[in-house]
Amino acid sequence: MTTPGLAMILSLAACGDEQSSGKAADQPSGTTSVQPSGGPVDSLKIQVRASAEAPVKTWTLNCAPPGGDHPKAADACAALTKVKQPFKPVPKDQMCTQIYGGPEIATVKGTWQGQQIDTKFTRKDGCQLHRWTAVGVLFGDVPKVR
């Protein structure tokens, strides 16, 4: 009677082996796979405005190894690796506290862990403020919420 259980365990253990080939056919449609080519795999362009009308500050951030012209590249890369899905947007149906964190706006575009990134950060409510704070070193000095 243990034979069916053993067969199930062995079949489950084999799952995932076909994905180790790294072939483009293994990728679901709509995703982009980035292969290392000697340059940084994680490369981001970050733009920050103190408000919608303010001039933009722009810098680049490369990780593995940390670099670019970001003023705190190593800290920014470390912060990104500590957050699970650092660029995931707040779900549209998410209930958020109405805590205003400030008028700052940031955009991040580029590649992070093989995924194309094109996202916007604000501080307009509690959810957005939490999202901003999780990777705040990307955006430089911002006044603390009072």
Protein backbone atom coordinates (compact mmCIF):
# COMPACT_ATOMS: atom_id res chain seq x y z
CA MET A 1 0.00 0.00 0.00
CA THR A 2 2.97 2.35 0.26
CA THR A 3 3.69 2.08 -3.48
CA PRO A 4 1.12 4.75 -4.55
CA GLY A 5 2.42 7.12 -1.87
CA LEU A 6 6.02 6.53 -2.96
CA ALA A 7 5.08 7.11 -6.61
CA MET A 8 3.42 10.40 -5.64
CA ILE A 9 6.47 11.56 -3.69
CA LEU A 10 8.79 10.70 -6.57
CA SER A 11 6.59 12.48 -9.11
CA LEU A 12 6.43 15.59 -6.92
CA ALA A 13 10.20 15.53 -6.41
CA ALA A 14 10.63 15.70 -10.18
CA CYS A 15 8.49 18.83 -10.44
CA GLY A 16 10.53 21.87 -11.34
CA ASP A 17 13.35 20.02 -13.10
CA GLU A 18 12.06 21.13 -16.49
CA GLN A 19 12.32 24.77 -15.38
CA SER A 20 16.01 24.55 -14.65
CA SER A 21 16.79 24.61 -18.38
CA GLY A 22 16.14 28.37 -18.53
CA LYS A 23 14.58 28.08 -22.01
CA ALA A 24 12.37 30.92 -23.17
CA ALA A 25 9.55 28.39 -23.67
CA ASP A 26 9.50 27.91 -19.88
CA GLN A 27 8.56 31.56 -19.34
CA PRO A 28 4.86 32.47 -19.06
CA SER A 29 3.75 34.95 -21.71
CA GLY A 30 3.97 38.59 -20.71
CA THR A 31 7.11 38.22 -18.60
CA THR A 32 10.59 39.27 -19.49
CA SER A 33 13.60 37.17 -18.67
CA VAL A 34 16.90 38.98 -18.30
CA GLN A 35 20.06 36.95 -18.63
CA PRO A 36 23.35 38.18 -17.16
CA SER A 37 25.64 39.55 -19.86
CA GLY A 38 28.52 40.82 -17.79
CA GLY A 39 26.59 43.94 -16.71
CA PRO A 40 24.32 44.50 -13.74
CA VAL A 41 21.12 42.43 -13.85
CA ASP A 42 19.33 44.76 -11.44
CA SER A 43 19.33 48.24 -12.94
CA LEU A 44 16.83 50.94 -11.98
CA LYS A 45 16.19 54.56 -12.93
CA ILE A 46 14.69 56.47 -9.99
CA GLN A 47 12.99 59.86 -10.30
CA VAL A 48 11.80 61.76 -7.24
CA ARG A 49 9.84 65.00 -6.95
CA ALA A 50 9.16 66.85 -3.70
CA SER A 51 5.70 67.60 -5.17
CA ALA A 52 3.96 67.37 -8.53
CA GLU A 53 5.28 70.85 -9.46
CA ALA A 54 8.83 70.43 -8.10
CA PRO A 55 11.88 69.70 -10.25
CA VAL A 56 12.79 66.05 -10.60
CA LYS A 57 15.87 64.42 -9.04
CA THR A 58 17.07 61.46 -11.10
CA TRP A 59 19.64 58.78 -10.46
CA THR A 60 20.43 55.24 -11.48
CA LEU A 61 20.89 52.26 -9.20
CA ASN A 62 22.62 49.03 -10.11
CA CYS A 63 22.74 46.09 -7.73
CA ALA A 64 25.04 43.02 -7.75
CA PRO A 65 27.37 44.83 -7.41
CA PRO A 66 25.91 48.09 -6.04
CA GLY A 67 26.65 51.08 -8.24
CA GLY A 68 25.24 53.78 -10.47
CA ASP A 69 25.01 57.39 -9.38
CA HIS A 70 22.61 56.73 -6.49
CA PRO A 71 24.06 58.44 -3.37
CA LYS A 72 23.50 55.36 -1.16
CA ALA A 73 23.66 52.51 -3.68
CA ALA A 74 24.70 49.75 -1.24
CA ASP A 75 22.03 50.74 1.30
CA ALA A 76 19.36 50.95 -1.41
CA CYS A 77 20.23 47.51 -2.79
CA ALA A 78 20.21 46.05 0.72
CA ALA A 79 16.79 47.59 1.43
CA LEU A 80 15.33 46.16 -1.77
CA THR A 81 16.52 42.65 -0.97
CA LYS A 82 14.89 42.78 2.48
CA VAL A 83 11.41 43.53 1.10
CA LYS A 84 9.36 40.78 -0.50
CA GLN A 85 8.09 42.21 -3.81
CA PRO A 86 9.34 45.78 -3.24
CA PHE A 87 7.63 47.13 -6.37
CA LYS A 88 4.24 45.45 -5.99
CA PRO A 89 1.49 48.08 -6.17
CA VAL A 90 -1.21 48.44 -3.53
CA PRO A 91 -4.25 46.40 -4.63
CA LYS A 92 -7.07 48.60 -5.95
CA ASP A 93 -9.56 47.15 -3.44
CA GLN A 94 -7.22 47.57 -0.44
CA MET A 95 -8.70 49.63 2.41
CA CYS A 96 -6.16 52.24 3.55
CA THR A 97 -5.97 54.67 6.42
CA GLN A 98 -6.21 58.30 5.41
CA ILE A 99 -2.78 59.22 6.78
CA TYR A 100 -1.17 61.78 4.52
CA GLY A 101 2.61 61.45 4.37
CA GLY A 102 3.41 64.33 2.03
CA PRO A 103 3.29 65.41 -1.61
CA GLU A 104 6.39 63.49 -2.73
CA ILE A 105 6.16 61.36 -5.89
CA ALA A 106 8.69 58.82 -7.16
CA THR A 107 8.86 56.63 -10.23
CA VAL A 108 11.07 53.58 -10.64
CA LYS A 109 11.76 51.98 -14.01
CA GLY A 110 14.16 49.27 -15.06
CA THR A 111 14.85 45.67 -14.12
CA TRP A 112 14.76 44.01 -10.71
CA GLN A 113 15.40 40.28 -10.26
CA GLY A 114 14.65 39.59 -13.91
CA GLN A 115 11.34 41.50 -13.95
CA GLN A 116 10.59 44.72 -15.80
CA ILE A 117 9.69 47.49 -13.33
CA ASP A 118 7.63 50.58 -14.13
CA THR A 119 5.92 51.82 -10.97
CA LYS A 120 4.98 54.97 -9.10
CA PHE A 121 5.27 55.65 -5.36
CA THR A 122 3.37 58.34 -3.43
CA ARG A 123 2.72 59.17 0.21
CA LYS A 124 -0.98 60.05 -0.15
CA ASP A 125 -2.43 57.46 2.26
CA GLY A 126 -1.41 54.83 4.80
CA CYS A 127 -0.95 52.05 2.23
CA GLN A 128 1.14 54.20 -0.09
CA LEU A 129 3.11 55.57 2.85
CA HIS A 130 3.91 52.03 4.06
CA ARG A 131 5.02 51.05 0.55
CA TRP A 132 7.25 54.15 0.30
CA THR A 133 8.77 53.62 3.74
CA ALA A 134 9.68 49.98 3.00
CA VAL A 135 12.14 51.10 0.28
CA GLY A 136 12.56 54.75 1.33
CA VAL A 137 16.35 54.78 0.95
CA LEU A 138 15.72 54.66 -2.82
CA PHE A 139 14.19 58.12 -2.68
CA GLY A 140 16.62 60.06 -0.51
CA ASP A 141 15.83 62.34 2.38
CA VAL A 142 12.12 62.99 2.92
CA PRO A 143 10.63 64.77 5.94
CA LYS A 144 9.32 62.43 8.64
CA VAL A 145 5.55 62.05 9.00
CA ARG A 146 4.29 63.97 12.02
